[in-house]
Amino acid sequence: MGLFDFVKAAGKALGIGSEEETPSADALKKELDSHDLGTEGVEVEVNGDTAVIKGDVADQSIFEKAVIAVGNSLGISKVEASEVKVGGSDAAEPHLHTVVKGDTLWAIAEKAYGKGGGPKYNKIFEANRPMLTHPDKIYPGQVLRIPAE
């Protein structure tokens, strides 16, 4: 646990010229802090195209949101988060989904929660706020957190 895969060529551009460039640790930390998640105690480092996050967060949802906020940045292919503590303990393994062409939150909810689970799409949307601003604004390569039923 602790190493998460992302699509390097998908995500939010953080003031870099191309997908071949990796954002700086400062740019990633600024992006993370812009979501006001409660990640003041989290540090960000960059090793190649891997972002390394370390520090303490209050709960599991903040941990998961921190991973996807940093990982869904153009130029990042992995997030190493084994040194993030949740309330002083190790974080639990999150359930994540990488969006593919044609996915909708409804379809993702059906996959995650089983047949008839589509109406729970709003649960996935809310679990990914503030990074998601509208249920229809997802894109291939984006990684979303899937909350437990």
N, C-alpha and C. Protein backbone atom coordinates (compact mmCIF):
# COMPACT_ATOMS: atom_id res chain seq x y z
N MET A 1 0.84 -1.18 0.00
CA MET A 1 0.00 0.00 0.00
C MET A 1 0.87 1.23 0.00
N GLY A 2 0.39 2.26 -0.62
CA GLY A 2 1.11 3.51 -0.57
C GLY A 2 1.61 4.03 -1.90
N LEU A 3 1.58 3.20 -2.98
CA LEU A 3 2.00 3.66 -4.29
C LEU A 3 0.78 3.58 -5.22
N PHE A 4 0.39 4.72 -5.77
CA PHE A 4 -0.81 4.81 -6.59
C PHE A 4 -0.46 5.25 -8.00
N ASP A 5 -1.07 4.60 -8.99
CA ASP A 5 -0.80 4.89 -10.39
C ASP A 5 -1.78 5.91 -10.95
N PHE A 6 -1.27 6.78 -11.80
CA PHE A 6 -2.05 7.80 -12.48
C PHE A 6 -1.62 7.84 -13.94
N VAL A 7 -2.38 8.53 -14.77
CA VAL A 7 -2.06 8.67 -16.18
C VAL A 7 -1.27 9.97 -16.34
N LYS A 8 0.01 9.84 -16.69
CA LYS A 8 0.90 10.98 -16.77
C LYS A 8 0.41 12.05 -17.74
N ALA A 9 -0.21 11.63 -18.84
CA ALA A 9 -0.64 12.57 -19.89
C ALA A 9 -2.05 13.12 -19.65
N ALA A 10 -2.65 12.82 -18.48
CA ALA A 10 -3.99 13.32 -18.17
C ALA A 10 -3.92 14.07 -16.85
N GLY A 11 -4.70 15.11 -16.75
CA GLY A 11 -4.76 15.83 -15.49
C GLY A 11 -4.67 17.33 -15.67
N LYS A 12 -4.67 17.99 -14.57
CA LYS A 12 -4.63 19.45 -14.56
C LYS A 12 -3.20 19.93 -14.80
N ALA A 13 -3.05 20.83 -15.76
CA ALA A 13 -1.74 21.42 -16.04
C ALA A 13 -1.45 22.45 -14.95
N LEU A 14 -0.31 22.35 -14.34
CA LEU A 14 0.05 23.26 -13.25
C LEU A 14 1.13 24.23 -13.71
N GLY A 15 0.87 24.90 -14.83
CA GLY A 15 1.80 25.91 -15.32
C GLY A 15 3.03 25.35 -15.99
N ILE A 16 2.92 24.14 -16.53
CA ILE A 16 4.06 23.55 -17.22
C ILE A 16 3.78 23.56 -18.71
N GLY A 17 4.79 23.38 -19.50
CA GLY A 17 4.68 23.49 -20.95
C GLY A 17 4.10 22.28 -21.65
N SER A 18 4.38 21.07 -21.18
CA SER A 18 3.89 19.87 -21.85
C SER A 18 3.77 18.74 -20.85
N GLU A 19 3.15 17.65 -21.31
CA GLU A 19 2.97 16.49 -20.45
C GLU A 19 4.29 15.80 -20.14
N GLU A 20 5.33 16.14 -20.90
CA GLU A 20 6.64 15.54 -20.66
C GLU A 20 7.30 16.17 -19.44
N GLU A 21 6.85 17.36 -19.07
CA GLU A 21 7.43 18.06 -17.92
C GLU A 21 6.67 17.67 -16.65
N THR A 22 7.40 17.52 -15.58
CA THR A 22 6.81 17.20 -14.30
C THR A 22 6.67 18.48 -13.49
N PRO A 23 5.52 18.69 -12.85
CA PRO A 23 5.36 19.90 -12.05
C PRO A 23 6.30 19.87 -10.85
N SER A 24 6.62 21.04 -10.36
CA SER A 24 7.50 21.14 -9.19
C SER A 24 6.74 20.75 -7.93
N ALA A 25 7.50 20.44 -6.89
CA ALA A 25 6.90 20.13 -5.60
C ALA A 25 6.09 21.32 -5.09
N ASP A 26 6.60 22.54 -5.31
CA ASP A 26 5.88 23.74 -4.88
C ASP A 26 4.54 23.86 -5.60
N ALA A 27 4.52 23.59 -6.92
CA ALA A 27 3.27 23.68 -7.68
C ALA A 27 2.27 22.64 -7.20
N LEU A 28 2.75 21.43 -6.91
CA LEU A 28 1.85 20.38 -6.41
C LEU A 28 1.31 20.71 -5.02
N LYS A 29 2.15 21.25 -4.17
CA LYS A 29 1.70 21.64 -2.82
C LYS A 29 0.68 22.77 -2.91
N LYS A 30 0.92 23.73 -3.81
CA LYS A 30 -0.02 24.83 -4.00
C LYS A 30 -1.37 24.30 -4.48
N GLU A 31 -1.36 23.34 -5.44
CA GLU A 31 -2.59 22.72 -5.93
C GLU A 31 -3.30 22.00 -4.80
N LEU A 32 -2.57 21.23 -4.02
CA LEU A 32 -3.16 20.50 -2.90
C LEU A 32 -3.80 21.47 -1.91
N ASP A 33 -3.08 22.51 -1.55
CA ASP A 33 -3.60 23.48 -0.58
C ASP A 33 -4.79 24.26 -1.11
N SER A 34 -4.87 24.42 -2.43
CA SER A 34 -5.97 25.20 -3.02
C SER A 34 -7.33 24.56 -2.78
N HIS A 35 -7.35 23.28 -2.48
CA HIS A 35 -8.61 22.57 -2.24
C HIS A 35 -9.08 22.67 -0.79
N ASP A 36 -8.25 23.26 0.07
CA ASP A 36 -8.63 23.47 1.47
C ASP A 36 -9.16 22.18 2.12
N LEU A 37 -8.36 21.13 2.02
CA LEU A 37 -8.76 19.81 2.52
C LEU A 37 -8.35 19.54 3.96
N GLY A 38 -7.47 20.37 4.50
CA GLY A 38 -6.91 20.07 5.81
C GLY A 38 -5.59 19.35 5.68
N THR A 39 -4.81 19.73 4.66
CA THR A 39 -3.52 19.08 4.39
C THR A 39 -2.34 19.99 4.72
N GLU A 40 -2.54 20.89 5.66
CA GLU A 40 -1.46 21.80 6.03
C GLU A 40 -0.23 21.06 6.52
N GLY A 41 -0.42 19.90 7.15
CA GLY A 41 0.68 19.10 7.68
C GLY A 41 1.27 18.13 6.68
N VAL A 42 0.97 18.30 5.40
CA VAL A 42 1.47 17.39 4.36
C VAL A 42 2.55 18.09 3.55
N GLU A 43 3.65 17.38 3.33
CA GLU A 43 4.74 17.88 2.49
C GLU A 43 4.70 17.13 1.16
N VAL A 44 5.15 17.79 0.10
CA VAL A 44 5.19 17.18 -1.22
C VAL A 44 6.61 17.25 -1.76
N GLU A 45 7.09 16.13 -2.29
CA GLU A 45 8.38 16.06 -2.98
C GLU A 45 8.12 15.45 -4.35
N VAL A 46 9.04 15.67 -5.28
CA VAL A 46 8.92 15.08 -6.61
C VAL A 46 10.22 14.35 -6.93
N ASN A 47 10.08 13.08 -7.33
CA ASN A 47 11.20 12.24 -7.78
C ASN A 47 10.85 11.73 -9.16
N GLY A 48 11.42 12.35 -10.20
CA GLY A 48 11.05 11.99 -11.57
C GLY A 48 9.61 12.38 -11.80
N ASP A 49 8.78 11.42 -12.23
CA ASP A 49 7.36 11.71 -12.42
C ASP A 49 6.50 11.16 -11.28
N THR A 50 7.16 10.90 -10.15
CA THR A 50 6.47 10.42 -8.96
C THR A 50 6.41 11.52 -7.91
N ALA A 51 5.20 11.78 -7.42
CA ALA A 51 5.02 12.72 -6.32
C ALA A 51 5.05 11.92 -5.02
N VAL A 52 5.76 12.41 -4.05
CA VAL A 52 5.84 11.77 -2.74
C VAL A 52 5.19 12.71 -1.73
N ILE A 53 4.17 12.19 -1.05
CA ILE A 53 3.53 13.01 -0.01
C ILE A 53 3.79 12.37 1.34
N LYS A 54 4.05 13.25 2.32
CA LYS A 54 4.38 12.82 3.69
C LYS A 54 3.68 13.73 4.66
N GLY A 55 3.37 13.21 5.84
CA GLY A 55 2.80 14.05 6.88
C GLY A 55 1.59 13.43 7.52
N ASP A 56 0.80 14.28 8.17
CA ASP A 56 -0.37 13.84 8.94
C ASP A 56 -1.64 14.50 8.43
N VAL A 57 -2.70 13.69 8.36
CA VAL A 57 -4.03 14.20 8.05
C VAL A 57 -5.01 13.67 9.09
N ALA A 58 -6.15 14.32 9.21
CA ALA A 58 -7.10 13.97 10.26
C ALA A 58 -7.89 12.69 9.99
N ASP A 59 -8.24 12.43 8.71
CA ASP A 59 -9.06 11.24 8.45
C ASP A 59 -8.78 10.64 7.08
N GLN A 60 -9.37 9.47 6.85
CA GLN A 60 -9.13 8.71 5.62
C GLN A 60 -9.57 9.47 4.38
N SER A 61 -10.68 10.19 4.44
CA SER A 61 -11.15 10.90 3.24
C SER A 61 -10.16 11.99 2.83
N ILE A 62 -9.55 12.66 3.79
CA ILE A 62 -8.54 13.68 3.47
C ILE A 62 -7.32 13.02 2.83
N PHE A 63 -6.91 11.88 3.36
CA PHE A 63 -5.80 11.13 2.77
C PHE A 63 -6.09 10.81 1.30
N GLU A 64 -7.27 10.24 1.03
CA GLU A 64 -7.62 9.84 -0.33
C GLU A 64 -7.71 11.05 -1.26
N LYS A 65 -8.31 12.13 -0.78
CA LYS A 65 -8.42 13.34 -1.60
C LYS A 65 -7.06 13.95 -1.88
N ALA A 66 -6.14 13.88 -0.92
CA ALA A 66 -4.79 14.39 -1.14
C ALA A 66 -4.08 13.60 -2.23
N VAL A 67 -4.23 12.28 -2.20
CA VAL A 67 -3.61 11.43 -3.22
C VAL A 67 -4.14 11.79 -4.60
N ILE A 68 -5.46 11.91 -4.76
CA ILE A 68 -5.98 12.18 -6.09
C ILE A 68 -5.77 13.63 -6.52
N ALA A 69 -5.75 14.57 -5.59
CA ALA A 69 -5.48 15.97 -5.95
C ALA A 69 -4.08 16.12 -6.54
N VAL A 70 -3.12 15.44 -5.95
CA VAL A 70 -1.74 15.50 -6.44
C VAL A 70 -1.58 14.63 -7.69
N GLY A 71 -2.14 13.44 -7.68
CA GLY A 71 -1.97 12.50 -8.79
C GLY A 71 -2.66 12.91 -10.07
N ASN A 72 -3.77 13.62 -9.97
CA ASN A 72 -4.49 14.07 -11.16
C ASN A 72 -3.91 15.37 -11.67
N SER A 73 -2.59 15.45 -11.68
CA SER A 73 -1.86 16.60 -12.22
C SER A 73 -1.07 16.13 -13.43
N LEU A 74 -1.12 16.91 -14.50
CA LEU A 74 -0.41 16.58 -15.73
C LEU A 74 1.08 16.40 -15.43
N GLY A 75 1.65 15.27 -15.86
CA GLY A 75 3.07 15.01 -15.66
C GLY A 75 3.38 14.09 -14.50
N ILE A 76 2.36 13.73 -13.71
CA ILE A 76 2.55 12.82 -12.57
C ILE A 76 2.01 11.44 -12.93
N SER A 77 2.83 10.40 -12.78
CA SER A 77 2.38 9.05 -13.09
C SER A 77 2.18 8.18 -11.85
N LYS A 78 2.74 8.60 -10.73
CA LYS A 78 2.60 7.83 -9.49
C LYS A 78 2.58 8.79 -8.30
N VAL A 79 1.89 8.37 -7.25
CA VAL A 79 1.93 9.08 -5.98
C VAL A 79 2.34 8.07 -4.92
N GLU A 80 3.41 8.35 -4.22
CA GLU A 80 3.89 7.54 -3.11
C GLU A 80 3.37 8.20 -1.83
N ALA A 81 2.56 7.47 -1.07
CA ALA A 81 1.93 8.05 0.11
C ALA A 81 2.08 7.18 1.35
N SER A 82 3.12 6.33 1.37
CA SER A 82 3.28 5.40 2.49
C SER A 82 3.66 6.10 3.80
N GLU A 83 4.13 7.35 3.70
CA GLU A 83 4.51 8.07 4.91
C GLU A 83 3.46 9.09 5.36
N VAL A 84 2.22 8.92 4.88
CA VAL A 84 1.12 9.76 5.36
C VAL A 84 0.42 9.01 6.47
N LYS A 85 0.22 9.68 7.58
CA LYS A 85 -0.47 9.09 8.74
C LYS A 85 -1.86 9.70 8.85
N VAL A 86 -2.83 8.85 9.13
CA VAL A 86 -4.21 9.28 9.32
C VAL A 86 -4.52 9.19 10.81
N GLY A 87 -4.65 10.35 11.43
CA GLY A 87 -4.90 10.36 12.87
C GLY A 87 -3.84 9.61 13.66
N GLY A 88 -2.60 9.62 13.17
CA GLY A 88 -1.49 8.97 13.85
C GLY A 88 -1.28 7.51 13.48
N SER A 89 -2.14 6.92 12.65
CA SER A 89 -1.99 5.53 12.22
C SER A 89 -1.80 5.45 10.71
N ASP A 90 -1.49 4.25 10.25
CA ASP A 90 -1.35 4.05 8.82
C ASP A 90 -2.71 4.18 8.14
N ALA A 91 -2.72 4.70 6.93
CA ALA A 91 -3.95 4.86 6.16
C ALA A 91 -4.43 3.51 5.64
N ALA A 92 -5.73 3.38 5.47
CA ALA A 92 -6.31 2.18 4.87
C ALA A 92 -6.18 2.28 3.35
N GLU A 93 -6.24 1.15 2.67
CA GLU A 93 -6.15 1.13 1.21
C GLU A 93 -7.45 1.70 0.63
N PRO A 94 -7.35 2.77 -0.17
CA PRO A 94 -8.56 3.35 -0.76
C PRO A 94 -9.02 2.57 -1.99
N HIS A 95 -10.28 2.71 -2.34
CA HIS A 95 -10.81 2.14 -3.57
C HIS A 95 -10.86 3.27 -4.59
N LEU A 96 -10.05 3.14 -5.66
CA LEU A 96 -9.94 4.18 -6.68
C LEU A 96 -10.39 3.62 -8.03
N HIS A 97 -10.82 4.50 -8.91
CA HIS A 97 -11.24 4.13 -10.26
C HIS A 97 -10.62 5.10 -11.26
N THR A 98 -9.99 4.57 -12.30
CA THR A 98 -9.46 5.41 -13.38
C THR A 98 -10.51 5.50 -14.48
N VAL A 99 -10.91 6.71 -14.79
CA VAL A 99 -11.95 6.97 -15.79
C VAL A 99 -11.44 6.56 -17.17
N VAL A 100 -12.27 5.84 -17.93
CA VAL A 100 -11.97 5.48 -19.31
C VAL A 100 -12.97 6.17 -20.22
N LYS A 101 -12.64 6.25 -21.51
CA LYS A 101 -13.51 6.89 -22.48
C LYS A 101 -14.90 6.26 -22.41
N GLY A 102 -15.92 7.11 -22.35
CA GLY A 102 -17.30 6.65 -22.28
C GLY A 102 -17.84 6.51 -20.87
N ASP A 103 -16.98 6.58 -19.86
CA ASP A 103 -17.44 6.49 -18.48
C ASP A 103 -18.31 7.70 -18.10
N THR A 104 -19.29 7.44 -17.28
CA THR A 104 -20.06 8.47 -16.60
C THR A 104 -20.05 8.11 -15.12
N LEU A 105 -20.38 9.05 -14.27
CA LEU A 105 -20.44 8.71 -12.85
C LEU A 105 -21.51 7.65 -12.60
N TRP A 106 -22.60 7.68 -13.36
CA TRP A 106 -23.65 6.66 -13.23
C TRP A 106 -23.06 5.28 -13.53
N ALA A 107 -22.35 5.15 -14.65
CA ALA A 107 -21.76 3.87 -15.04
C ALA A 107 -20.71 3.41 -14.03
N ILE A 108 -19.94 4.35 -13.52
CA ILE A 108 -18.93 4.00 -12.51
C ILE A 108 -19.61 3.49 -11.25
N ALA A 109 -20.72 4.13 -10.85
CA ALA A 109 -21.48 3.69 -9.67
C ALA A 109 -22.04 2.29 -9.89
N GLU A 110 -22.51 2.00 -11.11
CA GLU A 110 -23.01 0.65 -11.43
C GLU A 110 -21.90 -0.38 -11.26
N LYS A 111 -20.69 -0.05 -11.72
CA LYS A 111 -19.55 -0.97 -11.59
C LYS A 111 -19.16 -1.15 -10.13
N ALA A 112 -19.13 -0.05 -9.40
CA ALA A 112 -18.66 -0.09 -8.01
C ALA A 112 -19.66 -0.73 -7.06
N TYR A 113 -20.95 -0.42 -7.26
CA TYR A 113 -21.96 -0.84 -6.29
C TYR A 113 -22.89 -1.93 -6.81
N GLY A 114 -22.67 -2.37 -8.05
CA GLY A 114 -23.48 -3.44 -8.61
C GLY A 114 -24.69 -2.92 -9.37
N LYS A 115 -25.36 -3.84 -10.05
CA LYS A 115 -26.53 -3.49 -10.85
C LYS A 115 -27.54 -2.75 -9.98
N GLY A 116 -28.01 -1.65 -10.49
CA GLY A 116 -28.94 -0.81 -9.73
C GLY A 116 -28.24 0.23 -8.89
N GLY A 117 -26.91 0.25 -8.92
CA GLY A 117 -26.14 1.20 -8.11
C GLY A 117 -25.96 2.57 -8.73
N GLY A 118 -26.42 2.72 -9.98
CA GLY A 118 -26.25 3.98 -10.69
C GLY A 118 -26.73 5.22 -9.94
N PRO A 119 -27.88 5.14 -9.26
CA PRO A 119 -28.34 6.32 -8.53
C PRO A 119 -27.38 6.80 -7.44
N LYS A 120 -26.41 5.99 -7.10
CA LYS A 120 -25.42 6.40 -6.09
C LYS A 120 -24.28 7.22 -6.69
N TYR A 121 -24.43 7.62 -7.98
CA TYR A 121 -23.38 8.41 -8.63
C TYR A 121 -23.06 9.67 -7.86
N ASN A 122 -24.09 10.25 -7.21
CA ASN A 122 -23.86 11.50 -6.46
C ASN A 122 -22.94 11.26 -5.26
N LYS A 123 -22.97 10.07 -4.72
CA LYS A 123 -22.07 9.72 -3.60
C LYS A 123 -20.61 9.79 -4.08
N ILE A 124 -20.36 9.31 -5.29
CA ILE A 124 -19.00 9.38 -5.86
C ILE A 124 -18.64 10.83 -6.15
N PHE A 125 -19.58 11.58 -6.70
CA PHE A 125 -19.34 12.99 -6.98
C PHE A 125 -18.97 13.72 -5.69
N GLU A 126 -19.76 13.57 -4.64
CA GLU A 126 -19.50 14.25 -3.37
C GLU A 126 -18.17 13.81 -2.75
N ALA A 127 -17.81 12.55 -2.94
CA ALA A 127 -16.55 12.03 -2.38
C ALA A 127 -15.33 12.63 -3.07
N ASN A 128 -15.53 13.21 -4.24
CA ASN A 128 -14.41 13.76 -5.00
C ASN A 128 -14.44 15.29 -5.07
N ARG A 129 -15.31 15.90 -4.29
CA ARG A 129 -15.33 17.36 -4.21
C ARG A 129 -14.24 17.79 -3.27
N PRO A 130 -13.58 18.87 -3.43
CA PRO A 130 -13.82 19.94 -4.39
C PRO A 130 -13.08 19.76 -5.71
N MET A 131 -12.40 18.64 -5.91
CA MET A 131 -11.67 18.46 -7.17
C MET A 131 -12.64 18.35 -8.34
N LEU A 132 -13.81 17.74 -8.13
CA LEU A 132 -14.86 17.72 -9.15
C LEU A 132 -15.81 18.87 -8.87
N THR A 133 -16.16 19.59 -9.92
CA THR A 133 -17.07 20.72 -9.76
C THR A 133 -18.44 20.45 -10.35
N HIS A 134 -18.56 19.40 -11.18
CA HIS A 134 -19.84 19.04 -11.80
C HIS A 134 -19.79 17.55 -12.15
N PRO A 135 -20.90 16.83 -11.95
CA PRO A 135 -20.90 15.39 -12.23
C PRO A 135 -20.56 15.01 -13.67
N ASP A 136 -20.80 15.91 -14.62
CA ASP A 136 -20.51 15.60 -16.03
C ASP A 136 -19.09 15.96 -16.43
N LYS A 137 -18.31 16.53 -15.54
CA LYS A 137 -16.97 16.99 -15.90
C LYS A 137 -15.90 16.03 -15.40
N ILE A 138 -15.93 14.82 -15.95
CA ILE A 138 -14.86 13.85 -15.70
C ILE A 138 -14.19 13.59 -17.04
N TYR A 139 -12.96 13.09 -17.01
CA TYR A 139 -12.23 12.89 -18.26
C TYR A 139 -11.41 11.60 -18.18
N PRO A 140 -11.17 10.97 -19.35
CA PRO A 140 -10.36 9.75 -19.37
C PRO A 140 -8.98 9.98 -18.74
N GLY A 141 -8.59 9.04 -17.90
CA GLY A 141 -7.32 9.12 -17.22
C GLY A 141 -7.43 9.68 -15.81
N GLN A 142 -8.52 10.37 -15.53
CA GLN A 142 -8.72 10.93 -14.18
C GLN A 142 -8.97 9.79 -13.20
N VAL A 143 -8.42 9.92 -12.01
CA VAL A 143 -8.62 8.92 -10.96
C VAL A 143 -9.59 9.49 -9.94
N LEU A 144 -10.61 8.69 -9.61
CA LEU A 144 -11.64 9.09 -8.65
C LEU A 144 -11.62 8.16 -7.45
N ARG A 145 -11.96 8.69 -6.30
CA ARG A 145 -12.11 7.83 -5.12
C ARG A 145 -13.54 7.32 -5.08
N ILE A 146 -13.68 6.06 -4.73
CA ILE A 146 -15.00 5.42 -4.64
C ILE A 146 -15.25 5.11 -3.17
N PRO A 147 -16.20 5.82 -2.57
CA PRO A 147 -16.47 5.57 -1.14
C PRO A 147 -17.19 4.24 -0.93
N ALA A 148 -17.07 3.71 0.26
CA ALA A 148 -17.78 2.47 0.60
C ALA A 148 -19.28 2.73 0.54
N GLU A 149 -20.02 1.69 0.25
CA GLU A 149 -21.48 1.82 0.18
C GLU A 149 -21.98 2.23 1.48
